[in-house]
Amino acid sequence: MRQNSIEKEKLIIPNLNLKFEETLKQTSWIELEETYRNCSRISFFGNGGNLAVADHAAIDTSRLTNKLGLCPGSGILASSLINDKGHDKWLEKWVEITSRGLTDEIMKKSLFIGISSSGKSENVVSALNYASYIGANSFLITASDIKTKKNINFKFCNLEVDEYHSSEVFTLLLTYQLIHSGGFKCPSISNSSDANDDIFSFK
């Protein structure tokens, strides 16, 4: 039997330990952690794989903290709003819908976190600008420099990562850091049994 002579290439992955330490020292990241701690309502969104990261972050925020985590992760929701408003405006419309009836005080305690790998996700930029306009906190986690013709009315943290896979994995890790820095526990696998449910009860 002939052996496969093709040499396997190793996936490019940055030193995440080093990137993690560098990111945590950024002034913008420190500000995001503080804002996350002070807010009670946290919304995450992005496109493609970043929407999956956002959905994961939202449920873990709700599950592991005393905050409400939100994300437009439903395909039915997304396709309905995209059909109605177009791809560039559907996230902005979702921000508007989920903010209906909220007082100014609640809006001040609301944080909208957009996630982008390219730094040019116009729908994410529009949604964050709108969130800021209606009185909420808005922040972008991006893997590279912001590239938009729009004025930006939100703060951002540049991870300086070049691969989509690295960006998505790293961003998910950082959402756990937000939970941890907020004073909550990220459970180990061995300590996540039913016997420890009371540890993560915030009723």
N, C-alpha and C. Protein backbone atom coordinates (compact mmCIF):
# COMPACT_ATOMS: atom_id res chain seq x y z
N MET A 1 0.85 -1.19 0.00
CA MET A 1 0.00 0.00 0.00
C MET A 1 0.89 1.25 0.00
N ARG A 2 0.64 2.18 -0.95
CA ARG A 2 1.47 3.37 -1.05
C ARG A 2 1.11 4.37 0.04
N GLN A 3 2.11 4.88 0.73
CA GLN A 3 1.87 5.85 1.79
C GLN A 3 1.59 7.22 1.18
N ASN A 4 0.81 7.98 1.89
CA ASN A 4 0.52 9.35 1.44
C ASN A 4 1.77 10.20 1.65
N SER A 5 2.30 10.73 0.56
CA SER A 5 3.55 11.49 0.66
C SER A 5 3.33 12.98 0.88
N ILE A 6 2.06 13.39 0.92
CA ILE A 6 1.76 14.81 1.13
C ILE A 6 2.01 15.17 2.58
N GLU A 7 2.86 16.15 2.79
CA GLU A 7 3.16 16.59 4.15
C GLU A 7 2.01 17.45 4.69
N LYS A 8 1.58 17.12 5.87
CA LYS A 8 0.48 17.86 6.47
C LYS A 8 0.98 19.22 6.97
N GLU A 9 0.23 20.25 6.62
CA GLU A 9 0.58 21.58 7.09
C GLU A 9 -0.07 21.83 8.45
N LYS A 10 0.64 22.51 9.28
CA LYS A 10 0.15 22.83 10.62
C LYS A 10 -0.68 24.11 10.56
N LEU A 11 -1.84 24.08 11.21
CA LEU A 11 -2.72 25.25 11.27
C LEU A 11 -2.00 26.41 11.93
N ILE A 12 -2.12 27.58 11.33
CA ILE A 12 -1.50 28.77 11.90
C ILE A 12 -2.32 29.25 13.09
N ILE A 13 -1.68 29.29 14.24
CA ILE A 13 -2.34 29.76 15.46
C ILE A 13 -1.36 30.68 16.19
N PRO A 14 -1.76 31.89 16.53
CA PRO A 14 -0.86 32.76 17.28
C PRO A 14 -0.68 32.26 18.70
N ASN A 15 0.30 32.78 19.38
CA ASN A 15 0.51 32.45 20.79
C ASN A 15 -0.62 33.10 21.59
N LEU A 16 -1.66 32.30 21.87
CA LEU A 16 -2.84 32.88 22.52
C LEU A 16 -2.56 33.34 23.94
N ASN A 17 -1.64 32.69 24.62
CA ASN A 17 -1.27 33.16 25.96
C ASN A 17 -0.72 34.57 25.90
N LEU A 18 0.18 34.80 24.92
CA LEU A 18 0.77 36.12 24.76
C LEU A 18 -0.27 37.14 24.32
N LYS A 19 -1.12 36.78 23.33
CA LYS A 19 -2.15 37.69 22.86
C LYS A 19 -3.15 38.02 23.97
N PHE A 20 -3.45 37.02 24.79
CA PHE A 20 -4.37 37.21 25.90
C PHE A 20 -3.81 38.25 26.88
N GLU A 21 -2.55 38.09 27.25
CA GLU A 21 -1.92 39.03 28.19
C GLU A 21 -1.84 40.43 27.58
N GLU A 22 -1.51 40.51 26.30
CA GLU A 22 -1.42 41.81 25.64
C GLU A 22 -2.78 42.51 25.59
N THR A 23 -3.82 41.75 25.28
CA THR A 23 -5.16 42.33 25.18
C THR A 23 -5.65 42.84 26.52
N LEU A 24 -5.42 42.08 27.56
CA LEU A 24 -5.89 42.47 28.89
C LEU A 24 -5.24 43.75 29.39
N LYS A 25 -4.11 44.13 28.79
CA LYS A 25 -3.41 45.36 29.19
C LYS A 25 -3.87 46.57 28.39
N GLN A 26 -4.63 46.33 27.31
CA GLN A 26 -5.10 47.45 26.49
C GLN A 26 -6.09 48.31 27.28
N THR A 27 -5.93 49.62 27.18
CA THR A 27 -6.84 50.54 27.87
C THR A 27 -8.29 50.30 27.46
N SER A 28 -8.50 50.02 26.18
CA SER A 28 -9.86 49.80 25.68
C SER A 28 -10.46 48.53 26.28
N TRP A 29 -9.64 47.47 26.44
CA TRP A 29 -10.17 46.24 27.02
C TRP A 29 -10.50 46.43 28.50
N ILE A 30 -9.64 47.13 29.21
CA ILE A 30 -9.88 47.41 30.63
C ILE A 30 -11.20 48.17 30.78
N GLU A 31 -11.45 49.11 29.87
CA GLU A 31 -12.70 49.87 29.90
C GLU A 31 -13.90 48.97 29.59
N LEU A 32 -13.73 48.03 28.66
CA LEU A 32 -14.83 47.10 28.35
C LEU A 32 -15.15 46.23 29.56
N GLU A 33 -14.14 45.73 30.24
CA GLU A 33 -14.38 44.92 31.45
C GLU A 33 -15.15 45.71 32.50
N GLU A 34 -14.77 46.97 32.68
CA GLU A 34 -15.45 47.81 33.67
C GLU A 34 -16.90 48.06 33.28
N THR A 35 -17.13 48.32 32.00
CA THR A 35 -18.49 48.54 31.52
C THR A 35 -19.34 47.29 31.68
N TYR A 36 -18.76 46.13 31.34
CA TYR A 36 -19.47 44.85 31.51
C TYR A 36 -19.87 44.65 32.97
N ARG A 37 -18.96 44.94 33.89
CA ARG A 37 -19.25 44.79 35.33
C ARG A 37 -20.42 45.65 35.75
N ASN A 38 -20.50 46.86 35.20
CA ASN A 38 -21.49 47.84 35.65
C ASN A 38 -22.83 47.73 34.94
N CYS A 39 -22.90 46.89 33.90
CA CYS A 39 -24.16 46.76 33.15
C CYS A 39 -24.89 45.48 33.54
N SER A 40 -26.20 45.52 33.42
CA SER A 40 -27.02 44.36 33.78
C SER A 40 -27.63 43.66 32.56
N ARG A 41 -27.45 44.27 31.40
CA ARG A 41 -28.07 43.77 30.18
C ARG A 41 -27.02 43.80 29.08
N ILE A 42 -26.58 42.62 28.63
CA ILE A 42 -25.46 42.54 27.70
C ILE A 42 -25.93 41.88 26.40
N SER A 43 -25.79 42.57 25.28
CA SER A 43 -26.17 42.03 23.98
C SER A 43 -24.92 41.83 23.13
N PHE A 44 -24.87 40.68 22.44
CA PHE A 44 -23.74 40.35 21.57
C PHE A 44 -24.27 40.10 20.16
N PHE A 45 -23.51 40.48 19.14
CA PHE A 45 -23.89 40.14 17.76
C PHE A 45 -22.69 40.22 16.83
N GLY A 46 -22.83 39.57 15.68
CA GLY A 46 -21.78 39.55 14.66
C GLY A 46 -22.33 38.84 13.43
N ASN A 47 -21.46 38.47 12.53
CA ASN A 47 -21.85 37.76 11.32
C ASN A 47 -21.16 36.39 11.26
N GLY A 48 -21.85 35.41 10.68
CA GLY A 48 -21.23 34.10 10.46
C GLY A 48 -20.74 33.46 11.74
N GLY A 49 -19.46 33.05 11.73
CA GLY A 49 -18.88 32.42 12.91
C GLY A 49 -18.90 33.32 14.12
N ASN A 50 -18.79 34.63 13.88
CA ASN A 50 -18.84 35.57 15.00
C ASN A 50 -20.23 35.65 15.63
N LEU A 51 -21.26 35.37 14.85
CA LEU A 51 -22.60 35.30 15.43
C LEU A 51 -22.72 34.08 16.34
N ALA A 52 -22.06 32.99 15.94
CA ALA A 52 -22.05 31.80 16.80
C ALA A 52 -21.31 32.09 18.11
N VAL A 53 -20.20 32.81 18.02
CA VAL A 53 -19.46 33.22 19.22
C VAL A 53 -20.35 34.11 20.09
N ALA A 54 -21.06 35.03 19.46
CA ALA A 54 -21.95 35.94 20.18
C ALA A 54 -23.06 35.19 20.89
N ASP A 55 -23.65 34.20 20.20
CA ASP A 55 -24.72 33.40 20.78
C ASP A 55 -24.22 32.64 22.00
N HIS A 56 -23.03 32.07 21.88
CA HIS A 56 -22.41 31.33 22.99
C HIS A 56 -22.16 32.27 24.16
N ALA A 57 -21.62 33.45 23.87
CA ALA A 57 -21.33 34.42 24.93
C ALA A 57 -22.60 34.88 25.64
N ALA A 58 -23.68 35.05 24.87
CA ALA A 58 -24.93 35.54 25.45
C ALA A 58 -25.53 34.53 26.43
N ILE A 59 -25.56 33.25 26.05
CA ILE A 59 -26.15 32.27 26.96
C ILE A 59 -25.27 32.06 28.19
N ASP A 60 -23.94 32.13 28.01
CA ASP A 60 -23.08 31.98 29.18
C ASP A 60 -23.16 33.19 30.10
N THR A 61 -23.38 34.37 29.55
CA THR A 61 -23.61 35.54 30.39
C THR A 61 -24.87 35.35 31.22
N SER A 62 -25.93 34.85 30.60
CA SER A 62 -27.17 34.60 31.34
C SER A 62 -27.03 33.45 32.33
N ARG A 63 -26.27 32.42 31.93
CA ARG A 63 -26.17 31.21 32.74
C ARG A 63 -25.21 31.35 33.92
N LEU A 64 -24.14 32.09 33.74
CA LEU A 64 -23.08 32.13 34.74
C LEU A 64 -23.00 33.43 35.54
N THR A 65 -23.85 34.41 35.19
CA THR A 65 -23.85 35.68 35.92
C THR A 65 -25.28 36.04 36.32
N ASN A 66 -25.42 37.20 36.95
CA ASN A 66 -26.76 37.70 37.27
C ASN A 66 -27.25 38.71 36.24
N LYS A 67 -26.61 38.69 35.06
CA LYS A 67 -26.95 39.62 33.98
C LYS A 67 -27.82 38.91 32.94
N LEU A 68 -28.47 39.70 32.10
CA LEU A 68 -29.24 39.16 30.98
C LEU A 68 -28.38 39.22 29.73
N GLY A 69 -28.14 38.07 29.11
CA GLY A 69 -27.40 38.03 27.86
C GLY A 69 -28.35 37.83 26.69
N LEU A 70 -28.16 38.60 25.63
CA LEU A 70 -29.03 38.55 24.46
C LEU A 70 -28.20 38.43 23.18
N CYS A 71 -28.78 37.75 22.16
CA CYS A 71 -28.13 37.63 20.87
C CYS A 71 -29.19 37.27 19.82
N PRO A 72 -29.09 37.84 18.61
CA PRO A 72 -30.04 37.49 17.54
C PRO A 72 -29.62 36.21 16.83
N GLY A 73 -29.51 35.13 17.59
CA GLY A 73 -28.95 33.89 17.06
C GLY A 73 -29.92 33.02 16.27
N SER A 74 -31.20 33.33 16.32
CA SER A 74 -32.20 32.52 15.61
C SER A 74 -32.13 32.79 14.10
N GLY A 75 -32.09 31.72 13.33
CA GLY A 75 -32.12 31.87 11.87
C GLY A 75 -33.42 32.46 11.39
N ILE A 76 -34.51 32.13 12.07
CA ILE A 76 -35.82 32.69 11.71
C ILE A 76 -35.82 34.19 11.95
N LEU A 77 -35.33 34.60 13.11
CA LEU A 77 -35.25 36.03 13.44
C LEU A 77 -34.38 36.76 12.42
N ALA A 78 -33.18 36.24 12.19
CA ALA A 78 -32.23 36.91 11.31
C ALA A 78 -32.77 37.02 9.88
N SER A 79 -33.29 35.92 9.34
CA SER A 79 -33.76 35.95 7.96
C SER A 79 -34.97 36.85 7.80
N SER A 80 -35.82 36.93 8.83
CA SER A 80 -36.99 37.82 8.76
C SER A 80 -36.55 39.27 8.71
N LEU A 81 -35.61 39.65 9.58
CA LEU A 81 -35.17 41.04 9.61
C LEU A 81 -34.33 41.39 8.39
N ILE A 82 -33.54 40.45 7.90
CA ILE A 82 -32.77 40.69 6.68
C ILE A 82 -33.70 40.89 5.49
N ASN A 83 -34.76 40.09 5.43
CA ASN A 83 -35.74 40.23 4.35
C ASN A 83 -36.45 41.57 4.42
N ASP A 84 -36.76 42.03 5.65
CA ASP A 84 -37.47 43.29 5.82
C ASP A 84 -36.58 44.51 5.63
N LYS A 85 -35.38 44.46 6.19
CA LYS A 85 -34.54 45.66 6.28
C LYS A 85 -33.26 45.61 5.47
N GLY A 86 -32.91 44.44 4.94
CA GLY A 86 -31.64 44.30 4.23
C GLY A 86 -30.52 43.92 5.18
N HIS A 87 -29.45 43.38 4.62
CA HIS A 87 -28.37 42.87 5.46
C HIS A 87 -27.68 43.98 6.24
N ASP A 88 -27.55 45.17 5.67
CA ASP A 88 -26.82 46.24 6.35
C ASP A 88 -27.57 46.84 7.52
N LYS A 89 -28.88 46.59 7.61
CA LYS A 89 -29.68 47.25 8.65
C LYS A 89 -30.35 46.28 9.63
N TRP A 90 -30.22 44.96 9.41
CA TRP A 90 -30.99 44.04 10.25
C TRP A 90 -30.53 44.06 11.70
N LEU A 91 -29.25 44.21 11.95
CA LEU A 91 -28.78 44.24 13.34
C LEU A 91 -29.21 45.52 14.04
N GLU A 92 -29.20 46.62 13.30
CA GLU A 92 -29.69 47.87 13.86
C GLU A 92 -31.16 47.73 14.25
N LYS A 93 -31.95 47.07 13.39
CA LYS A 93 -33.36 46.86 13.71
C LYS A 93 -33.51 45.97 14.93
N TRP A 94 -32.66 44.96 15.07
CA TRP A 94 -32.72 44.09 16.25
C TRP A 94 -32.42 44.87 17.52
N VAL A 95 -31.46 45.78 17.46
CA VAL A 95 -31.16 46.63 18.61
C VAL A 95 -32.39 47.46 18.97
N GLU A 96 -33.03 48.01 17.95
CA GLU A 96 -34.23 48.83 18.20
C GLU A 96 -35.35 48.01 18.84
N ILE A 97 -35.58 46.81 18.29
CA ILE A 97 -36.66 45.95 18.80
C ILE A 97 -36.41 45.57 20.26
N THR A 98 -35.19 45.16 20.57
CA THR A 98 -34.89 44.67 21.93
C THR A 98 -34.75 45.80 22.95
N SER A 99 -34.78 47.05 22.46
CA SER A 99 -34.68 48.19 23.38
C SER A 99 -36.02 48.88 23.61
N ARG A 100 -37.06 48.38 22.96
CA ARG A 100 -38.38 49.00 23.09
C ARG A 100 -38.86 48.96 24.54
N GLY A 101 -39.38 50.10 24.99
CA GLY A 101 -39.97 50.18 26.32
C GLY A 101 -38.99 50.30 27.46
N LEU A 102 -37.70 50.32 27.16
CA LEU A 102 -36.70 50.41 28.23
C LEU A 102 -36.50 51.87 28.63
N THR A 103 -36.37 52.09 29.91
CA THR A 103 -36.17 53.45 30.42
C THR A 103 -34.74 53.92 30.14
N ASP A 104 -34.52 55.22 30.27
CA ASP A 104 -33.18 55.76 30.09
C ASP A 104 -32.20 55.14 31.07
N GLU A 105 -32.68 54.87 32.28
CA GLU A 105 -31.82 54.27 33.30
C GLU A 105 -31.39 52.86 32.91
N ILE A 106 -32.32 52.09 32.36
CA ILE A 106 -31.97 50.73 31.91
C ILE A 106 -31.02 50.80 30.73
N MET A 107 -31.23 51.76 29.83
CA MET A 107 -30.34 51.90 28.68
C MET A 107 -28.92 52.21 29.12
N LYS A 108 -28.77 52.98 30.17
CA LYS A 108 -27.43 53.29 30.68
C LYS A 108 -26.75 52.04 31.24
N LYS A 109 -27.57 51.05 31.61
CA LYS A 109 -27.03 49.80 32.15
C LYS A 109 -27.00 48.70 31.09
N SER A 110 -27.19 49.08 29.84
CA SER A 110 -27.19 48.13 28.73
C SER A 110 -25.90 48.27 27.94
N LEU A 111 -25.33 47.13 27.55
CA LEU A 111 -24.09 47.10 26.79
C LEU A 111 -24.30 46.25 25.53
N PHE A 112 -23.99 46.83 24.38
CA PHE A 112 -24.05 46.11 23.10
C PHE A 112 -22.63 45.87 22.62
N ILE A 113 -22.29 44.60 22.44
CA ILE A 113 -20.95 44.22 22.00
C ILE A 113 -21.03 43.62 20.60
N GLY A 114 -20.44 44.30 19.64
CA GLY A 114 -20.36 43.78 18.29
C GLY A 114 -19.03 43.06 18.09
N ILE A 115 -19.04 42.03 17.25
CA ILE A 115 -17.83 41.26 16.97
C ILE A 115 -17.58 41.26 15.47
N SER A 116 -16.36 41.59 15.07
CA SER A 116 -16.00 41.59 13.64
C SER A 116 -14.57 41.07 13.49
N SER A 117 -14.35 40.26 12.47
CA SER A 117 -12.98 39.82 12.17
C SER A 117 -12.29 40.81 11.24
N SER A 118 -13.00 41.25 10.22
CA SER A 118 -12.40 42.10 9.19
C SER A 118 -12.30 43.57 9.60
N GLY A 119 -13.14 43.99 10.54
CA GLY A 119 -13.19 45.39 10.90
C GLY A 119 -14.02 46.23 9.93
N LYS A 120 -14.68 45.56 8.98
CA LYS A 120 -15.48 46.30 7.99
C LYS A 120 -16.91 45.76 7.89
N SER A 121 -17.43 45.26 8.97
CA SER A 121 -18.81 44.74 8.99
C SER A 121 -19.76 45.91 9.18
N GLU A 122 -20.28 46.43 8.06
CA GLU A 122 -21.08 47.65 8.12
C GLU A 122 -22.35 47.49 8.94
N ASN A 123 -22.94 46.29 8.92
CA ASN A 123 -24.17 46.10 9.71
C ASN A 123 -23.87 46.15 11.21
N VAL A 124 -22.70 45.65 11.60
CA VAL A 124 -22.30 45.71 13.01
C VAL A 124 -22.02 47.15 13.42
N VAL A 125 -21.32 47.88 12.55
CA VAL A 125 -21.03 49.29 12.82
C VAL A 125 -22.31 50.10 12.96
N SER A 126 -23.27 49.89 12.07
CA SER A 126 -24.55 50.62 12.12
C SER A 126 -25.31 50.33 13.42
N ALA A 127 -25.31 49.05 13.82
CA ALA A 127 -26.02 48.66 15.03
C ALA A 127 -25.39 49.28 16.28
N LEU A 128 -24.06 49.30 16.32
CA LEU A 128 -23.37 49.88 17.48
C LEU A 128 -23.57 51.39 17.52
N ASN A 129 -23.54 52.04 16.37
CA ASN A 129 -23.81 53.48 16.34
C ASN A 129 -25.22 53.77 16.84
N TYR A 130 -26.18 52.95 16.42
CA TYR A 130 -27.56 53.15 16.85
C TYR A 130 -27.71 52.92 18.35
N ALA A 131 -27.06 51.89 18.86
CA ALA A 131 -27.12 51.61 20.31
C ALA A 131 -26.59 52.78 21.10
N SER A 132 -25.51 53.37 20.62
CA SER A 132 -24.96 54.55 21.28
C SER A 132 -25.92 55.73 21.21
N TYR A 133 -26.57 55.88 20.05
CA TYR A 133 -27.51 56.99 19.84
C TYR A 133 -28.69 56.94 20.81
N ILE A 134 -29.15 55.72 21.14
CA ILE A 134 -30.31 55.60 22.03
C ILE A 134 -29.91 55.52 23.51
N GLY A 135 -28.64 55.76 23.79
CA GLY A 135 -28.23 55.91 25.18
C GLY A 135 -27.59 54.70 25.82
N ALA A 136 -27.28 53.67 25.04
CA ALA A 136 -26.65 52.47 25.59
C ALA A 136 -25.13 52.56 25.43
N ASN A 137 -24.44 51.67 26.08
CA ASN A 137 -23.00 51.52 25.89
C ASN A 137 -22.79 50.60 24.69
N SER A 138 -21.84 50.95 23.82
CA SER A 138 -21.59 50.10 22.66
C SER A 138 -20.10 49.96 22.43
N PHE A 139 -19.70 48.74 22.05
CA PHE A 139 -18.29 48.40 21.98
C PHE A 139 -18.07 47.37 20.89
N LEU A 140 -16.99 47.51 20.13
CA LEU A 140 -16.64 46.55 19.09
C LEU A 140 -15.38 45.78 19.47
N ILE A 141 -15.45 44.45 19.37
CA ILE A 141 -14.26 43.61 19.44
C ILE A 141 -13.92 43.23 18.01
N THR A 142 -12.77 43.66 17.52
CA THR A 142 -12.39 43.43 16.14
C THR A 142 -11.01 42.80 16.07
N ALA A 143 -10.80 41.95 15.06
CA ALA A 143 -9.50 41.29 14.90
C ALA A 143 -8.50 42.18 14.18
N SER A 144 -9.00 43.23 13.51
CA SER A 144 -8.11 44.12 12.76
C SER A 144 -8.67 45.54 12.79
N ASP A 145 -7.94 46.47 12.19
CA ASP A 145 -8.36 47.87 12.22
C ASP A 145 -9.76 48.05 11.63
N ILE A 146 -10.51 49.00 12.18
CA ILE A 146 -11.84 49.32 11.65
C ILE A 146 -11.70 49.95 10.27
N LYS A 147 -12.47 49.42 9.33
CA LYS A 147 -12.45 49.94 7.96
C LYS A 147 -13.88 50.28 7.56
N THR A 148 -14.30 51.48 7.82
CA THR A 148 -15.66 51.90 7.47
C THR A 148 -15.64 53.37 7.09
N LYS A 149 -16.56 53.75 6.20
CA LYS A 149 -16.70 55.15 5.82
C LYS A 149 -17.61 55.89 6.79
N LYS A 150 -18.28 55.13 7.65
CA LYS A 150 -19.19 55.74 8.61
C LYS A 150 -18.39 56.35 9.77
N ASN A 151 -18.96 57.41 10.37
CA ASN A 151 -18.43 57.88 11.64
C ASN A 151 -18.74 56.83 12.69
N ILE A 152 -17.83 56.62 13.62
CA ILE A 152 -18.10 55.63 14.67
C ILE A 152 -18.34 56.35 16.00
N ASN A 153 -19.39 55.93 16.67
CA ASN A 153 -19.77 56.52 17.96
C ASN A 153 -19.70 55.48 19.07
N PHE A 154 -18.72 54.59 18.95
CA PHE A 154 -18.55 53.54 19.94
C PHE A 154 -17.05 53.31 20.15
N LYS A 155 -16.74 52.55 21.19
CA LYS A 155 -15.36 52.23 21.49
C LYS A 155 -15.03 50.85 20.95
N PHE A 156 -13.74 50.58 20.78
CA PHE A 156 -13.37 49.29 20.19
C PHE A 156 -12.03 48.80 20.73
N CYS A 157 -11.86 47.50 20.64
CA CYS A 157 -10.62 46.84 21.02
C CYS A 157 -10.13 46.03 19.83
N ASN A 158 -8.91 46.30 19.36
CA ASN A 158 -8.33 45.61 18.21
C ASN A 158 -7.44 44.48 18.72
N LEU A 159 -7.80 43.24 18.37
CA LEU A 159 -7.06 42.07 18.84
C LEU A 159 -5.79 41.82 18.02
N GLU A 160 -5.72 42.41 16.83
CA GLU A 160 -4.56 42.25 15.95
C GLU A 160 -4.26 40.77 15.67
N VAL A 161 -5.29 40.08 15.18
CA VAL A 161 -5.18 38.67 14.80
C VAL A 161 -5.53 38.56 13.31
N ASP A 162 -4.81 37.74 12.55
CA ASP A 162 -4.96 37.74 11.10
C ASP A 162 -5.80 36.59 10.54
N GLU A 163 -6.05 35.55 11.33
CA GLU A 163 -6.81 34.39 10.83
C GLU A 163 -8.22 34.41 11.41
N TYR A 164 -9.19 34.06 10.56
CA TYR A 164 -10.58 34.00 11.04
C TYR A 164 -10.72 32.99 12.18
N HIS A 165 -10.10 31.82 12.03
CA HIS A 165 -10.26 30.81 13.08
C HIS A 165 -9.65 31.28 14.39
N SER A 166 -8.51 31.95 14.32
CA SER A 166 -7.87 32.45 15.54
C SER A 166 -8.72 33.54 16.18
N SER A 167 -9.25 34.42 15.33
CA SER A 167 -10.08 35.52 15.83
C SER A 167 -11.31 35.02 16.57
N GLU A 168 -12.00 34.05 15.98
CA GLU A 168 -13.23 33.55 16.59
C GLU A 168 -12.96 32.81 17.90
N VAL A 169 -11.95 31.95 17.91
CA VAL A 169 -11.61 31.21 19.12
C VAL A 169 -11.14 32.17 20.22
N PHE A 170 -10.31 33.14 19.85
CA PHE A 170 -9.77 34.10 20.81
C PHE A 170 -10.88 34.97 21.39
N THR A 171 -11.80 35.42 20.53
CA THR A 171 -12.90 36.25 21.00
C THR A 171 -13.78 35.50 21.98
N LEU A 172 -14.06 34.23 21.69
CA LEU A 172 -14.86 33.44 22.63
C LEU A 172 -14.16 33.33 23.98
N LEU A 173 -12.86 33.10 23.95
CA LEU A 173 -12.09 33.04 25.19
C LEU A 173 -12.22 34.36 25.96
N LEU A 174 -12.17 35.47 25.26
CA LEU A 174 -12.27 36.77 25.92
C LEU A 174 -13.65 37.03 26.52
N THR A 175 -14.69 36.43 25.95
CA THR A 175 -16.02 36.60 26.56
C THR A 175 -16.08 35.90 27.92
N TYR A 176 -15.34 34.80 28.05
CA TYR A 176 -15.24 34.17 29.37
C TYR A 176 -14.44 35.06 30.32
N GLN A 177 -13.46 35.77 29.81
CA GLN A 177 -12.70 36.70 30.64
C GLN A 177 -13.62 37.81 31.16
N LEU A 178 -14.55 38.27 30.33
CA LEU A 178 -15.51 39.28 30.79
C LEU A 178 -16.32 38.75 31.97
N ILE A 179 -16.76 37.50 31.85
CA ILE A 179 -17.52 36.89 32.95
C ILE A 179 -16.66 36.81 34.21
N HIS A 180 -15.43 36.35 34.04
CA HIS A 180 -14.52 36.18 35.17
C HIS A 180 -14.18 37.51 35.82
N SER A 181 -13.87 38.52 34.99
CA SER A 181 -13.50 39.83 35.53
C SER A 181 -14.70 40.54 36.14
N GLY A 182 -15.91 40.08 35.78
CA GLY A 182 -17.12 40.63 36.37
C GLY A 182 -17.40 40.11 37.76
N GLY A 183 -16.54 39.21 38.24
CA GLY A 183 -16.69 38.68 39.59
C GLY A 183 -17.45 37.37 39.65
N PHE A 184 -17.62 36.71 38.50
CA PHE A 184 -18.35 35.45 38.45
C PHE A 184 -17.40 34.30 38.10
N LYS A 185 -17.85 33.09 38.37
CA LYS A 185 -17.00 31.92 38.16
C LYS A 185 -17.27 31.26 36.82
N CYS A 186 -16.20 30.92 36.12
CA CYS A 186 -16.31 30.08 34.94
C CYS A 186 -16.00 28.66 35.41
N PRO A 187 -16.99 27.78 35.44
CA PRO A 187 -16.80 26.47 36.08
C PRO A 187 -15.84 25.57 35.33
N SER A 188 -15.12 24.78 36.09
CA SER A 188 -14.33 23.72 35.47
C SER A 188 -15.27 22.58 35.09
N ILE A 189 -14.82 21.72 34.21
CA ILE A 189 -15.65 20.58 33.80
C ILE A 189 -15.95 19.68 34.99
N SER A 190 -14.96 19.48 35.82
CA SER A 190 -15.15 18.58 36.97
C SER A 190 -16.08 19.16 38.02
N ASN A 191 -16.26 20.49 38.02
CA ASN A 191 -17.13 21.12 39.02
C ASN A 191 -18.45 21.62 38.45
N SER A 192 -18.85 21.09 37.31
CA SER A 192 -20.09 21.57 36.68
C SER A 192 -21.22 20.56 36.80
N SER A 193 -21.15 19.68 37.77
CA SER A 193 -22.18 18.65 37.96
C SER A 193 -23.41 19.26 38.63
N ASP A 194 -24.48 18.48 38.66
CA ASP A 194 -25.72 18.94 39.29
C ASP A 194 -25.52 19.29 40.76
N ALA A 195 -24.54 18.64 41.38
CA ALA A 195 -24.30 18.87 42.81
C ALA A 195 -23.84 20.30 43.08
N ASN A 196 -23.35 21.00 42.06
CA ASN A 196 -22.85 22.34 42.23
C ASN A 196 -23.76 23.40 41.63
N ASP A 197 -24.99 23.01 41.31
CA ASP A 197 -25.90 23.95 40.68
C ASP A 197 -26.13 25.20 41.53
N ASP A 198 -26.12 25.05 42.85
CA ASP A 198 -26.38 26.18 43.73
C ASP A 198 -25.31 27.25 43.62
N ILE A 199 -24.09 26.86 43.20
CA ILE A 199 -23.01 27.83 43.05
C ILE A 199 -23.35 28.84 41.97
N PHE A 200 -24.09 28.38 40.93
CA PHE A 200 -24.39 29.22 39.79
C PHE A 200 -25.85 29.66 39.76
N SER A 201 -26.47 29.71 40.93
CA SER A 201 -27.85 30.16 41.03
C SER A 201 -27.85 31.62 41.46
N PHE A 202 -28.44 32.49 40.65
CA PHE A 202 -28.41 33.93 40.94
C PHE A 202 -29.82 34.47 41.15
N LYS A 203 -30.75 33.62 41.54
CA LYS A 203 -32.12 34.07 41.76
C LYS A 203 -32.19 34.97 42.98
